[in-house]
C-alpha atoms as a PDB file:
ATOM      1  CA  MET A   1      96.566  84.667 178.472  1.00  0.00           C
ATOM      2  CA  ARG A   2      98.815  83.894 175.816  1.00  0.00           C
ATOM      3  CA  GLN A   3     102.758  84.266 176.664  1.00  0.00           C
ATOM      4  CA  ILE A   4     105.671  83.751 174.181  1.00  0.00           C
ATOM      5  CA  HIS A   5     108.677  82.012 175.218  1.00  0.00           C
ATOM      6  CA  ARG A   6     111.843  81.752 173.071  1.00  0.00           C
ATOM      7  CA  ALA A   7     113.507  78.490 172.623  1.00  0.00           C
ATOM      8  CA  GLY A   8     115.424  77.404 175.406  1.00  0.00           C
ATOM      9  CA  GLU A   9     114.377  80.565 177.559  1.00  0.00           C
ATOM     10  CA  LYS A  10     112.111  78.452 180.141  1.00  0.00           C
ATOM     11  CA  LEU A  11     111.365  75.497 181.332  1.00  0.00           C
ATOM     12  CA  PHE A  12     108.536  75.271 184.145  1.00  0.00           C
ATOM     13  CA  VAL A  13     108.953  72.485 186.670  1.00  0.00           C
ATOM     14  CA  ASP A  14     106.797  70.960 189.489  1.00  0.00           C
ATOM     15  CA  PHE A  15     105.731  67.766 191.352  1.00  0.00           C
ATOM     16  CA  ALA A  16     102.005  67.245 190.605  1.00  0.00           C
ATOM     17  CA  GLU A  17      99.193  66.405 193.728  1.00  0.00           C
ATOM     18  CA  PRO A  18      97.827  64.193 194.790  1.00  0.00           C
ATOM     19  CA  THR A  19     100.120  61.363 194.814  1.00  0.00           C
ATOM     20  CA  LEU A  20      99.293  58.030 193.063  1.00  0.00           C
ATOM     21  CA  PRO A  21      99.110  54.549 194.451  1.00  0.00           C
ATOM     22  CA  ASN A  22     101.901  51.983 192.938  1.00  0.00           C
ATOM     23  CA  THR A  23     102.009  48.152 192.811  1.00  0.00           C
ATOM     24  CA  THR A  24     103.277  48.407 196.469  1.00  0.00           C
ATOM     25  CA  GLU A  25     101.536  49.726 199.388  1.00  0.00           C
ATOM     26  CA  ARG A  26     103.849  53.056 198.860  1.00  0.00           C
ATOM     27  CA  ARG A  27     102.463  56.189 196.729  1.00  0.00           C
ATOM     28  CA  ALA A  28     104.409  57.997 193.912  1.00  0.00           C
ATOM     29  CA  HIS A  29     104.857  61.189 193.121  1.00  0.00           C
ATOM     30  CA  VAL A  30     104.605  62.558 189.778  1.00  0.00           C
ATOM     31  CA  PHE A  31     107.366  64.849 188.384  1.00  0.00           C
ATOM     32  CA  ILE A  32     106.084  67.368 185.552  1.00  0.00           C
ATOM     33  CA  ASP A  33     107.907  69.579 183.333  1.00  0.00           C
ATOM     34  CA  ALA A  34     106.983  71.438 180.429  1.00  0.00           C
ATOM     35  CA  MET A  35     109.243  73.439 177.761  1.00  0.00           C
ATOM     36  CA  GLY A  36     107.907  77.240 177.339  1.00  0.00           C
ATOM     37  CA  ALA A  37     108.363  77.452 173.663  1.00  0.00           C
ATOM     38  CA  SER A  38     107.219  74.209 172.553  1.00  0.00           C
ATOM     39  CA  SER A  39     104.926  73.153 175.338  1.00  0.00           C
ATOM     40  CA  TYR A  40     106.850  69.568 174.944  1.00  0.00           C
ATOM     41  CA  THR A  41     105.882  67.980 178.373  1.00  0.00           C
ATOM     42  CA  PHE A  42     107.383  65.291 180.291  1.00  0.00           C
ATOM     43  CA  ALA A  43     106.061  63.322 183.428  1.00  0.00           C
ATOM     44  CA  CYS A  44     107.728  60.337 185.426  1.00  0.00           C
ATOM     45  CA  ALA A  45     106.948  59.097 188.877  1.00  0.00           C
ATOM     46  CA  THR A  46     109.477  59.288 191.814  1.00  0.00           C
ATOM     47  CA  PRO A  47     109.658  57.699 195.116  1.00  0.00           C
ATOM     48  CA  ALA A  48     109.744  60.906 197.273  1.00  0.00           C
ATOM     49  CA  LYS A  49     109.986  64.591 196.446  1.00  0.00           C
ATOM     50  CA  THR A  50     113.865  65.038 197.455  1.00  0.00           C
ATOM     51  CA  MET A  51     116.487  67.045 195.646  1.00  0.00           C
ATOM     52  CA  GLU A  52     117.895  63.831 193.845  1.00  0.00           C
ATOM     53  CA  ASP A  53     114.254  63.252 192.512  1.00  0.00           C
ATOM     54  CA  TRP A  54     113.809  66.712 191.307  1.00  0.00           C
ATOM     55  CA  LEU A  55     117.257  66.685 189.474  1.00  0.00           C
ATOM     56  CA  GLY A  56     117.155  63.150 188.197  1.00  0.00           C
ATOM     57  CA  GLY A  57     113.468  64.565 186.869  1.00  0.00           C
ATOM     58  CA  ILE A  58     115.125  67.536 185.088  1.00  0.00           C
ATOM     59  CA  ALA A  59     117.772  65.411 183.717  1.00  0.00           C
ATOM     60  CA  ARG A  60     115.529  62.467 182.458  1.00  0.00           C
ATOM     61  CA  ALA A  61     113.175  65.161 180.537  1.00  0.00           C
ATOM     62  CA  LEU A  62     116.026  67.110 178.957  1.00  0.00           C
ATOM     63  CA  THR A  63     117.330  63.649 177.500  1.00  0.00           C
ATOM     64  CA  VAL A  64     114.376  62.112 176.257  1.00  0.00           C
END
């Protein structure tokens, strides 16, 4: 179902599952967001799913 969103109205944000292996033995969490009007999508890897990672991902997406 198609939905119409005005510019600046919506930002859809979530962490993707499952985690991804990185160069060390740790796993990376993938942060993804999409702007509602343009469907511009941003993704980045974070070390955990903390509030700091959540807010950092949003800040990075809005400054790119």
